[in-house]
Amino acid sequence: MKKVIIILTAAIMVACNPTAKLPGLQTGGDAAFEQADYNKAYTMYTEYINLAKANGVEVSDDMYQKQAQTCAQLDKVDEASAIYNQLLKDDANISLIAEYAQMLQSNAKVDEEIALWTDNAERISDSKLTKLKTERLVFLHSSNENFENVVEAYAAKGDAVVSKEAQLEYIKALEATKKGLAASKACNALLKENPDYTEALEWKAKYYFNKAENRYKYEMDKYNKNKTAAAYAYLRRDLKKVSADFRIARDTFLKLRKQDPSNKTYIKYLKNTYIRLDQNDKAAQLDKLLK
């Protein structure tokens, strides 16, 4: 009889005060989320929010964040985005940008993530968040081949120390925007900190080889059109500069070969570099490895 009375009393209290359900909905939603039952969590959080709003009860940012996280788990990207955008209107919630960006990244929403970071750039002051902003914009713009934007995003990093991968993307963007000298300086700085970083070594080796090869062909073509004594003197002078770049390429490819002796790409580049440096005996030795 006592149990019946208690149940009836609780029912009457809920009927008279609907907000009495709120704690139970929150607890149930949290429990469901912890158990990865996101559909149940979504239902309970939604009921909580709707009930609170209907009865003039303020919904906390924490509750909205939980609902956004639940939406993200259920691929309700638009709904989650709407909640995050609302939360981010308050500067106190700026750290949520990382969580929001992760959801957009997971759903390949490239343009949306670029807009998120760009629109909120001036509001970000935390060093870790600044680093994340810089790296994400560098990779996102790079994936779209917007190399000017990569350079711009990197330049805005301030004192943030970004990953070696982001630095390399910046270097490639400098090269793509015809800032080769700046790119080579940045690559040397990167390799000073990470001397065995294979991808950076590859960039450096190929950059100097291609730079030298293009200049070599240009100078030879110019000379072949005007074979005079003066032109030959200029050719010898210019080819010394070209040889200096070929030697940088050679030394870098030799280092790469120590890391991966059987890599055919390294061997081909190194063989062609030896040919340009008139080291034909070494070129012949490498040619045997390609057969």
C-alpha atoms as a PDB file:
ATOM      1  CA  MET A   1       0.000   0.000   0.000  1.00  0.00           C
ATOM      2  CA  LYS A   2       2.889   2.342   0.888  1.00  0.00           C
ATOM      3  CA  LYS A   3       4.507   1.777  -2.533  1.00  0.00           C
ATOM      4  CA  VAL A   4       1.271   2.603  -4.313  1.00  0.00           C
ATOM      5  CA  ILE A   5       0.928   5.829  -2.353  1.00  0.00           C
ATOM      6  CA  ILE A   6       4.526   6.815  -3.146  1.00  0.00           C
ATOM      7  CA  ILE A   7       4.044   6.138  -6.847  1.00  0.00           C
ATOM      8  CA  LEU A   8       0.783   8.072  -6.936  1.00  0.00           C
ATOM      9  CA  THR A   9       2.365  10.951  -5.062  1.00  0.00           C
ATOM     10  CA  ALA A  10       5.280  11.061  -7.506  1.00  0.00           C
ATOM     11  CA  ALA A  11       2.872  10.985 -10.438  1.00  0.00           C
ATOM     12  CA  ILE A  12       0.858  13.868  -8.978  1.00  0.00           C
ATOM     13  CA  MET A  13       4.039  15.881  -8.385  1.00  0.00           C
ATOM     14  CA  VAL A  14       5.179  15.377 -11.982  1.00  0.00           C
ATOM     15  CA  ALA A  15       1.745  16.309 -13.282  1.00  0.00           C
ATOM     16  CA  CYS A  16       1.758  19.482 -11.206  1.00  0.00           C
ATOM     17  CA  ASN A  17       5.397  20.271 -11.920  1.00  0.00           C
ATOM     18  CA  PRO A  18       6.622  18.879 -15.284  1.00  0.00           C
ATOM     19  CA  THR A  19      10.142  20.160 -14.639  1.00  0.00           C
ATOM     20  CA  ALA A  20      10.491  17.506 -11.938  1.00  0.00           C
ATOM     21  CA  LYS A  21      11.330  15.158 -14.810  1.00  0.00           C
ATOM     22  CA  LEU A  22      14.403  17.130 -15.804  1.00  0.00           C
ATOM     23  CA  PRO A  23      16.950  15.551 -13.433  1.00  0.00           C
ATOM     24  CA  GLY A  24      15.888  12.065 -14.470  1.00  0.00           C
ATOM     25  CA  LEU A  25      16.124  12.946 -18.169  1.00  0.00           C
ATOM     26  CA  GLN A  26      19.609  14.378 -17.706  1.00  0.00           C
ATOM     27  CA  THR A  27      20.821  11.407 -15.687  1.00  0.00           C
ATOM     28  CA  GLY A  28      19.305   8.949 -18.144  1.00  0.00           C
ATOM     29  CA  GLY A  29      20.766  10.790 -21.127  1.00  0.00           C
ATOM     30  CA  ASP A  30      24.228  10.863 -19.573  1.00  0.00           C
ATOM     31  CA  ALA A  31      24.066   7.165 -18.749  1.00  0.00           C
ATOM     32  CA  ALA A  32      22.970   6.314 -22.289  1.00  0.00           C
ATOM     33  CA  PHE A  33      25.782   8.424 -23.770  1.00  0.00           C
ATOM     34  CA  GLU A  34      28.372   6.677 -21.588  1.00  0.00           C
ATOM     35  CA  GLN A  35      27.054   3.332 -22.829  1.00  0.00           C
ATOM     36  CA  ALA A  36      27.257   4.557 -26.451  1.00  0.00           C
ATOM     37  CA  ASP A  37      23.482   4.300 -26.819  1.00  0.00           C
ATOM     38  CA  TYR A  38      23.378   7.570 -28.724  1.00  0.00           C
ATOM     39  CA  ASN A  39      19.831   7.224 -30.010  1.00  0.00           C
ATOM     40  CA  LYS A  40      18.503   6.958 -26.458  1.00  0.00           C
ATOM     41  CA  ALA A  41      20.766   9.775 -25.288  1.00  0.00           C
ATOM     42  CA  TYR A  42      19.549  11.974 -28.153  1.00  0.00           C
ATOM     43  CA  THR A  43      15.903  11.272 -27.301  1.00  0.00           C
ATOM     44  CA  MET A  44      16.365  12.068 -23.615  1.00  0.00           C
ATOM     45  CA  TYR A  45      18.461  15.192 -24.191  1.00  0.00           C
ATOM     46  CA  THR A  46      15.948  16.454 -26.741  1.00  0.00           C
ATOM     47  CA  GLU A  47      13.084  15.881 -24.324  1.00  0.00           C
ATOM     48  CA  TYR A  48      15.044  17.642 -21.586  1.00  0.00           C
ATOM     49  CA  ILE A  49      15.719  20.711 -23.747  1.00  0.00           C
ATOM     50  CA  ASN A  50      12.174  20.957 -25.049  1.00  0.00           C
ATOM     51  CA  LEU A  51      10.663  20.512 -21.579  1.00  0.00           C
ATOM     52  CA  ALA A  52      13.001  23.070 -20.036  1.00  0.00           C
ATOM     53  CA  LYS A  53      12.291  25.651 -22.726  1.00  0.00           C
ATOM     54  CA  ALA A  54       8.530  25.122 -22.479  1.00  0.00           C
ATOM     55  CA  ASN A  55       8.643  25.795 -18.742  1.00  0.00           C
ATOM     56  CA  GLY A  56      11.030  28.728 -18.721  1.00  0.00           C
ATOM     57  CA  VAL A  57      13.969  26.775 -17.317  1.00  0.00           C
ATOM     58  CA  GLU A  58      17.365  27.852 -18.602  1.00  0.00           C
ATOM     59  CA  VAL A  59      19.267  25.142 -20.486  1.00  0.00           C
ATOM     60  CA  SER A  60      22.953  25.108 -19.621  1.00  0.00           C
ATOM     61  CA  ASP A  61      25.707  25.282 -22.241  1.00  0.00           C
ATOM     62  CA  ASP A  62      26.892  21.927 -20.911  1.00  0.00           C
ATOM     63  CA  MET A  63      23.581  20.347 -21.853  1.00  0.00           C
ATOM     64  CA  TYR A  64      23.686  21.874 -25.338  1.00  0.00           C
ATOM     65  CA  GLN A  65      27.242  20.616 -25.758  1.00  0.00           C
ATOM     66  CA  LYS A  66      26.169  17.084 -24.811  1.00  0.00           C
ATOM     67  CA  GLN A  67      23.362  17.268 -27.357  1.00  0.00           C
ATOM     68  CA  ALA A  68      25.814  18.483 -30.029  1.00  0.00           C
ATOM     69  CA  GLN A  69      28.167  15.605 -29.219  1.00  0.00           C
ATOM     70  CA  THR A  70      25.278  13.161 -29.468  1.00  0.00           C
ATOM     71  CA  CYS A  71      24.222  14.612 -32.827  1.00  0.00           C
ATOM     72  CA  ALA A  72      27.788  14.240 -34.065  1.00  0.00           C
ATOM     73  CA  GLN A  73      27.790  10.561 -33.087  1.00  0.00           C
ATOM     74  CA  LEU A  74      24.540  10.062 -34.997  1.00  0.00           C
ATOM     75  CA  ASP A  75      25.788  11.940 -38.098  1.00  0.00           C
ATOM     76  CA  LYS A  76      23.255  14.697 -37.522  1.00  0.00           C
ATOM     77  CA  VAL A  77      25.883  17.139 -38.724  1.00  0.00           C
ATOM     78  CA  ASP A  78      23.584  20.060 -39.522  1.00  0.00           C
ATOM     79  CA  GLU A  79      21.870  19.874 -36.154  1.00  0.00           C
ATOM     80  CA  ALA A  80      25.182  19.620 -34.318  1.00  0.00           C
ATOM     81  CA  SER A  81      26.548  22.559 -36.324  1.00  0.00           C
ATOM     82  CA  ALA A  82      23.594  24.717 -35.390  1.00  0.00           C
ATOM     83  CA  ILE A  83      24.189  24.019 -31.694  1.00  0.00           C
ATOM     84  CA  TYR A  84      27.942  24.619 -31.894  1.00  0.00           C
ATOM     85  CA  ASN A  85      27.431  27.876 -33.799  1.00  0.00           C
ATOM     86  CA  GLN A  86      25.041  29.075 -31.131  1.00  0.00           C
ATOM     87  CA  LEU A  87      27.450  28.137 -28.341  1.00  0.00           C
ATOM     88  CA  LEU A  88      30.383  29.829 -30.077  1.00  0.00           C
ATOM     89  CA  LYS A  89      28.646  33.181 -29.974  1.00  0.00           C
ATOM     90  CA  ASP A  90      29.861  33.308 -26.381  1.00  0.00           C
ATOM     91  CA  ASP A  91      33.629  33.922 -26.166  1.00  0.00           C
ATOM     92  CA  ALA A  92      33.714  31.728 -23.078  1.00  0.00           C
ATOM     93  CA  ASN A  93      33.000  28.731 -25.312  1.00  0.00           C
ATOM     94  CA  ILE A  94      35.713  29.402 -27.919  1.00  0.00           C
ATOM     95  CA  SER A  95      37.533  26.197 -26.961  1.00  0.00           C
ATOM     96  CA  LEU A  96      34.599  24.249 -28.426  1.00  0.00           C
ATOM     97  CA  ILE A  97      35.880  25.192 -31.861  1.00  0.00           C
ATOM     98  CA  ALA A  98      38.319  22.277 -31.688  1.00  0.00           C
ATOM     99  CA  GLU A  99      35.517  19.801 -30.999  1.00  0.00           C
ATOM    100  CA  TYR A 100      33.345  21.319 -33.718  1.00  0.00           C
ATOM    101  CA  ALA A 101      36.212  21.270 -36.210  1.00  0.00           C
ATOM    102  CA  GLN A 102      36.898  17.602 -35.442  1.00  0.00           C
ATOM    103  CA  MET A 103      33.316  16.755 -36.349  1.00  0.00           C
ATOM    104  CA  LEU A 104      33.576  18.678 -39.619  1.00  0.00           C
ATOM    105  CA  GLN A 105      36.894  16.991 -40.396  1.00  0.00           C
ATOM    106  CA  SER A 106      35.408  13.547 -39.746  1.00  0.00           C
ATOM    107  CA  ASN A 107      32.640  14.332 -42.222  1.00  0.00           C
ATOM    108  CA  ALA A 108      34.970  15.822 -44.870  1.00  0.00           C
ATOM    109  CA  LYS A 109      33.319  19.233 -44.588  1.00  0.00           C
ATOM    110  CA  VAL A 110      36.370  21.069 -45.902  1.00  0.00           C
ATOM    111  CA  ASP A 111      34.813  24.410 -46.818  1.00  0.00           C
ATOM    112  CA  GLU A 112      32.784  24.509 -43.612  1.00  0.00           C
ATOM    113  CA  GLU A 113      35.865  23.857 -41.495  1.00  0.00           C
ATOM    114  CA  ILE A 114      37.865  26.520 -43.331  1.00  0.00           C
ATOM    115  CA  ALA A 115      35.062  29.012 -42.686  1.00  0.00           C
ATOM    116  CA  LEU A 116      34.910  27.991 -39.017  1.00  0.00           C
ATOM    117  CA  TRP A 117      38.594  28.640 -38.399  1.00  0.00           C
ATOM    118  CA  THR A 118      38.738  31.759 -40.573  1.00  0.00           C
ATOM    119  CA  ASP A 119      35.645  33.418 -39.116  1.00  0.00           C
ATOM    120  CA  ASN A 120      36.853  32.853 -35.553  1.00  0.00           C
ATOM    121  CA  ALA A 121      40.574  33.463 -36.091  1.00  0.00           C
ATOM    122  CA  GLU A 122      40.703  36.791 -34.280  1.00  0.00           C
ATOM    123  CA  ARG A 123      38.960  35.363 -31.226  1.00  0.00           C
ATOM    124  CA  ILE A 124      41.589  32.661 -30.715  1.00  0.00           C
ATOM    125  CA  SER A 125      44.392  33.541 -28.317  1.00  0.00           C
ATOM    126  CA  ASP A 126      45.237  30.229 -26.629  1.00  0.00           C
ATOM    127  CA  SER A 127      48.567  28.877 -27.934  1.00  0.00           C
ATOM    128  CA  LYS A 128      47.361  25.292 -28.367  1.00  0.00           C
ATOM    129  CA  LEU A 129      44.259  26.436 -30.205  1.00  0.00           C
ATOM    130  CA  THR A 130      46.349  28.760 -32.360  1.00  0.00           C
ATOM    131  CA  LYS A 131      48.591  25.850 -33.292  1.00  0.00           C
ATOM    132  CA  LEU A 132      45.589  23.716 -34.182  1.00  0.00           C
ATOM    133  CA  LYS A 133      44.032  26.545 -36.212  1.00  0.00           C
ATOM    134  CA  THR A 134      47.254  27.065 -38.179  1.00  0.00           C
ATOM    135  CA  GLU A 135      47.769  23.379 -38.909  1.00  0.00           C
ATOM    136  CA  ARG A 136      44.185  22.755 -39.942  1.00  0.00           C
ATOM    137  CA  LEU A 137      44.089  25.781 -42.263  1.00  0.00           C
ATOM    138  CA  VAL A 138      47.441  24.796 -43.778  1.00  0.00           C
ATOM    139  CA  PHE A 139      46.257  21.249 -44.511  1.00  0.00           C
ATOM    140  CA  LEU A 140      42.775  22.297 -45.630  1.00  0.00           C
ATOM    141  CA  HIS A 141      43.979  24.980 -48.035  1.00  0.00           C
ATOM    142  CA  SER A 142      46.689  22.638 -49.266  1.00  0.00           C
ATOM    143  CA  SER A 143      44.099  19.959 -50.059  1.00  0.00           C
ATOM    144  CA  ASN A 144      42.262  22.565 -52.153  1.00  0.00           C
ATOM    145  CA  GLU A 145      45.566  23.655 -53.749  1.00  0.00           C
ATOM    146  CA  ASN A 146      44.981  27.206 -52.500  1.00  0.00           C
ATOM    147  CA  PHE A 147      48.680  27.765 -51.915  1.00  0.00           C
ATOM    148  CA  GLU A 148      48.478  31.518 -51.364  1.00  0.00           C
ATOM    149  CA  ASN A 149      46.061  30.815 -48.527  1.00  0.00           C
ATOM    150  CA  VAL A 150      48.446  28.214 -47.095  1.00  0.00           C
ATOM    151  CA  VAL A 151      51.205  30.819 -46.949  1.00  0.00           C
ATOM    152  CA  GLU A 152      48.838  33.363 -45.414  1.00  0.00           C
ATOM    153  CA  ALA A 153      47.587  30.936 -42.764  1.00  0.00           C
ATOM    154  CA  TYR A 154      51.121  29.941 -41.820  1.00  0.00           C
ATOM    155  CA  ALA A 155      52.248  33.565 -41.606  1.00  0.00           C
ATOM    156  CA  ALA A 156      49.473  34.226 -39.064  1.00  0.00           C
ATOM    157  CA  LYS A 157      50.691  31.545 -36.648  1.00  0.00           C
ATOM    158  CA  GLY A 158      52.557  33.984 -34.433  1.00  0.00           C
ATOM    159  CA  ASP A 159      54.759  32.180 -31.916  1.00  0.00           C
ATOM    160  CA  ALA A 160      52.933  28.871 -32.277  1.00  0.00           C
ATOM    161  CA  VAL A 161      55.228  25.916 -33.039  1.00  0.00           C
ATOM    162  CA  VAL A 162      53.495  23.711 -35.585  1.00  0.00           C
ATOM    163  CA  SER A 163      54.187  20.129 -36.637  1.00  0.00           C
ATOM    164  CA  LYS A 164      56.888  19.221 -39.121  1.00  0.00           C
ATOM    165  CA  GLU A 165      54.152  18.021 -41.498  1.00  0.00           C
ATOM    166  CA  ALA A 166      52.500  21.452 -41.479  1.00  0.00           C
ATOM    167  CA  GLN A 167      55.881  23.106 -42.007  1.00  0.00           C
ATOM    168  CA  LEU A 168      56.491  20.927 -45.052  1.00  0.00           C
ATOM    169  CA  GLU A 169      53.101  21.844 -46.529  1.00  0.00           C
ATOM    170  CA  TYR A 170      54.065  25.484 -46.064  1.00  0.00           C
ATOM    171  CA  ILE A 171      57.361  24.866 -47.859  1.00  0.00           C
ATOM    172  CA  LYS A 172      55.548  23.238 -50.774  1.00  0.00           C
ATOM    173  CA  ALA A 173      53.141  26.173 -50.905  1.00  0.00           C
ATOM    174  CA  LEU A 174      56.055  28.615 -51.057  1.00  0.00           C
ATOM    175  CA  GLU A 175      57.482  26.672 -53.983  1.00  0.00           C
ATOM    176  CA  ALA A 176      54.091  26.584 -55.709  1.00  0.00           C
ATOM    177  CA  THR A 177      53.796  30.360 -55.364  1.00  0.00           C
ATOM    178  CA  LYS A 178      57.257  30.809 -56.898  1.00  0.00           C
ATOM    179  CA  LYS A 179      59.006  31.680 -53.654  1.00  0.00           C
ATOM    180  CA  GLY A 180      61.738  29.100 -54.096  1.00  0.00           C
ATOM    181  CA  LEU A 181      64.415  30.868 -52.080  1.00  0.00           C
ATOM    182  CA  ALA A 182      62.098  31.256 -49.081  1.00  0.00           C
ATOM    183  CA  ALA A 183      61.041  27.613 -49.479  1.00  0.00           C
ATOM    184  CA  SER A 184      64.630  26.350 -49.464  1.00  0.00           C
ATOM    185  CA  LYS A 185      65.473  28.437 -46.385  1.00  0.00           C
ATOM    186  CA  ALA A 186      62.392  27.127 -44.583  1.00  0.00           C
ATOM    187  CA  CYS A 187      63.309  23.563 -45.539  1.00  0.00           C
ATOM    188  CA  ASN A 188      66.851  23.980 -44.214  1.00  0.00           C
ATOM    189  CA  ALA A 189      65.430  25.281 -40.938  1.00  0.00           C
ATOM    190  CA  LEU A 190      63.053  22.315 -40.757  1.00  0.00           C
ATOM    191  CA  LEU A 191      65.875  19.840 -41.409  1.00  0.00           C
ATOM    192  CA  LYS A 192      68.039  21.504 -38.779  1.00  0.00           C
ATOM    193  CA  GLU A 193      65.410  20.506 -36.220  1.00  0.00           C
ATOM    194  CA  ASN A 194      64.522  17.185 -37.905  1.00  0.00           C
ATOM    195  CA  PRO A 195      67.656  16.037 -39.807  1.00  0.00           C
ATOM    196  CA  ASP A 196      66.254  12.619 -40.721  1.00  0.00           C
ATOM    197  CA  TYR A 197      62.798  13.778 -41.851  1.00  0.00           C
ATOM    198  CA  THR A 198      62.526  11.807 -45.097  1.00  0.00           C
ATOM    199  CA  GLU A 199      59.797  13.854 -46.761  1.00  0.00           C
ATOM    200  CA  ALA A 200      61.696  17.103 -46.203  1.00  0.00           C
ATOM    201  CA  LEU A 201      64.913  15.541 -47.497  1.00  0.00           C
ATOM    202  CA  GLU A 202      63.057  14.379 -50.599  1.00  0.00           C
ATOM    203  CA  TRP A 203      61.669  17.855 -51.182  1.00  0.00           C
ATOM    204  CA  LYS A 204      65.108  19.424 -50.829  1.00  0.00           C
ATOM    205  CA  ALA A 205      66.840  16.909 -53.081  1.00  0.00           C
ATOM    206  CA  LYS A 206      64.247  17.177 -55.858  1.00  0.00           C
ATOM    207  CA  TYR A 207      63.987  20.932 -55.544  1.00  0.00           C
ATOM    208  CA  TYR A 208      67.723  21.474 -56.044  1.00  0.00           C
ATOM    209  CA  PHE A 209      67.934  18.855 -58.787  1.00  0.00           C
ATOM    210  CA  ASN A 210      65.052  20.358 -60.755  1.00  0.00           C
ATOM    211  CA  LYS A 211      66.325  23.889 -60.206  1.00  0.00           C
ATOM    212  CA  ALA A 212      69.771  22.898 -61.469  1.00  0.00           C
ATOM    213  CA  GLU A 213      68.438  20.814 -64.353  1.00  0.00           C
ATOM    214  CA  ASN A 214      66.180  23.580 -65.619  1.00  0.00           C
ATOM    215  CA  ARG A 215      68.984  26.148 -65.395  1.00  0.00           C
ATOM    216  CA  TYR A 216      71.420  23.735 -67.091  1.00  0.00           C
ATOM    217  CA  LYS A 217      69.077  23.209 -70.047  1.00  0.00           C
ATOM    218  CA  TYR A 218      68.377  26.936 -70.303  1.00  0.00           C
ATOM    219  CA  GLU A 219      72.069  27.871 -70.339  1.00  0.00           C
ATOM    220  CA  MET A 220      72.992  25.130 -72.813  1.00  0.00           C
ATOM    221  CA  ASP A 221      70.131  26.085 -75.137  1.00  0.00           C
ATOM    222  CA  LYS A 222      71.210  29.733 -74.995  1.00  0.00           C
ATOM    223  CA  TYR A 223      74.815  28.826 -75.768  1.00  0.00           C
ATOM    224  CA  ASN A 224      73.917  26.483 -78.633  1.00  0.00           C
ATOM    225  CA  LYS A 225      72.164  29.398 -80.346  1.00  0.00           C
ATOM    226  CA  ASN A 226      75.235  31.595 -80.112  1.00  0.00           C
ATOM    227  CA  LYS A 227      78.492  29.662 -79.897  1.00  0.00           C
ATOM    228  CA  THR A 228      80.976  32.448 -79.445  1.00  0.00           C
ATOM    229  CA  ALA A 229      84.011  32.695 -77.181  1.00  0.00           C
ATOM    230  CA  ALA A 230      82.245  35.263 -75.008  1.00  0.00           C
ATOM    231  CA  ALA A 231      79.127  33.098 -74.771  1.00  0.00           C
ATOM    232  CA  TYR A 232      81.260  30.104 -73.757  1.00  0.00           C
ATOM    233  CA  ALA A 233      82.917  32.126 -71.003  1.00  0.00           C
ATOM    234  CA  TYR A 234      79.489  33.101 -69.658  1.00  0.00           C
ATOM    235  CA  LEU A 235      78.354  29.476 -69.946  1.00  0.00           C
ATOM    236  CA  ARG A 236      81.263  28.223 -67.818  1.00  0.00           C
ATOM    237  CA  ARG A 237      80.542  30.875 -65.190  1.00  0.00           C
ATOM    238  CA  ASP A 238      76.830  30.026 -65.031  1.00  0.00           C
ATOM    239  CA  LEU A 239      77.396  26.284 -64.999  1.00  0.00           C
ATOM    240  CA  LYS A 240      79.491  26.648 -61.839  1.00  0.00           C
ATOM    241  CA  LYS A 241      76.366  27.950 -60.106  1.00  0.00           C
ATOM    242  CA  VAL A 242      74.372  25.089 -61.577  1.00  0.00           C
ATOM    243  CA  SER A 243      76.943  22.562 -60.358  1.00  0.00           C
ATOM    244  CA  ALA A 244      76.642  23.919 -56.824  1.00  0.00           C
ATOM    245  CA  ASP A 245      72.929  23.090 -56.838  1.00  0.00           C
ATOM    246  CA  PHE A 246      73.587  19.655 -58.338  1.00  0.00           C
ATOM    247  CA  ARG A 247      76.033  18.954 -55.510  1.00  0.00           C
ATOM    248  CA  ILE A 248      73.397  19.863 -52.915  1.00  0.00           C
ATOM    249  CA  ALA A 249      70.982  17.492 -54.653  1.00  0.00           C
ATOM    250  CA  ARG A 250      73.666  14.775 -54.798  1.00  0.00           C
ATOM    251  CA  ASP A 251      74.534  15.027 -51.106  1.00  0.00           C
ATOM    252  CA  THR A 252      70.877  14.975 -50.113  1.00  0.00           C
ATOM    253  CA  PHE A 253      70.081  11.945 -52.266  1.00  0.00           C
ATOM    254  CA  LEU A 254      73.101  10.169 -50.779  1.00  0.00           C
ATOM    255  CA  LYS A 255      71.628  10.728 -47.331  1.00  0.00           C
ATOM    256  CA  LEU A 256      68.275   9.417 -48.517  1.00  0.00           C
ATOM    257  CA  ARG A 257      69.958   6.313 -49.926  1.00  0.00           C
ATOM    258  CA  LYS A 258      71.402   5.579 -46.502  1.00  0.00           C
ATOM    259  CA  GLN A 259      67.838   5.471 -45.237  1.00  0.00           C
ATOM    260  CA  ASP A 260      66.577   3.388 -48.149  1.00  0.00           C
ATOM    261  CA  PRO A 261      69.388   1.902 -50.301  1.00  0.00           C
ATOM    262  CA  SER A 262      67.088   0.073 -52.721  1.00  0.00           C
ATOM    263  CA  ASN A 263      64.808   2.999 -53.524  1.00  0.00           C
ATOM    264  CA  LYS A 264      64.853   3.198 -57.353  1.00  0.00           C
ATOM    265  CA  THR A 265      63.716   6.820 -57.422  1.00  0.00           C
ATOM    266  CA  TYR A 266      66.707   7.900 -55.366  1.00  0.00           C
ATOM    267  CA  ILE A 267      69.027   5.862 -57.562  1.00  0.00           C
ATOM    268  CA  LYS A 268      67.667   7.416 -60.793  1.00  0.00           C
ATOM    269  CA  TYR A 269      67.995  10.960 -59.500  1.00  0.00           C
ATOM    270  CA  LEU A 270      71.455  10.284 -58.132  1.00  0.00           C
ATOM    271  CA  LYS A 271      72.610   8.728 -61.424  1.00  0.00           C
ATOM    272  CA  ASN A 272      71.420  11.760 -63.403  1.00  0.00           C
ATOM    273  CA  THR A 273      73.059  14.082 -60.882  1.00  0.00           C
ATOM    274  CA  TYR A 274      76.395  12.284 -61.289  1.00  0.00           C
ATOM    275  CA  ILE A 275      76.096  12.665 -65.066  1.00  0.00           C
ATOM    276  CA  ARG A 276      75.618  16.420 -64.768  1.00  0.00           C
ATOM    277  CA  LEU A 277      78.640  16.601 -62.435  1.00  0.00           C
ATOM    278  CA  ASP A 278      80.748  14.618 -64.959  1.00  0.00           C
ATOM    279  CA  GLN A 279      81.088  11.744 -62.513  1.00  0.00           C
ATOM    280  CA  ASN A 280      80.251   9.200 -65.163  1.00  0.00           C
ATOM    281  CA  ASP A 281      81.924   6.253 -63.456  1.00  0.00           C
ATOM    282  CA  LYS A 282      79.612   6.625 -60.454  1.00  0.00           C
ATOM    283  CA  ALA A 283      76.644   7.117 -62.759  1.00  0.00           C
ATOM    284  CA  ALA A 284      77.503   3.850 -64.524  1.00  0.00           C
ATOM    285  CA  GLN A 285      77.648   1.976 -61.219  1.00  0.00           C
ATOM    286  CA  LEU A 286      74.186   3.183 -60.296  1.00  0.00           C
ATOM    287  CA  ASP A 287      72.852   2.407 -63.768  1.00  0.00           C
ATOM    288  CA  LYS A 288      73.621  -1.263 -63.137  1.00  0.00           C
ATOM    289  CA  LEU A 289      71.296  -1.178 -60.112  1.00  0.00           C
ATOM    290  CA  LEU A 290      68.433  -0.035 -62.338  1.00  0.00           C
ATOM    291  CA  LYS A 291      68.650  -3.053 -64.671  1.00  0.00           C
END
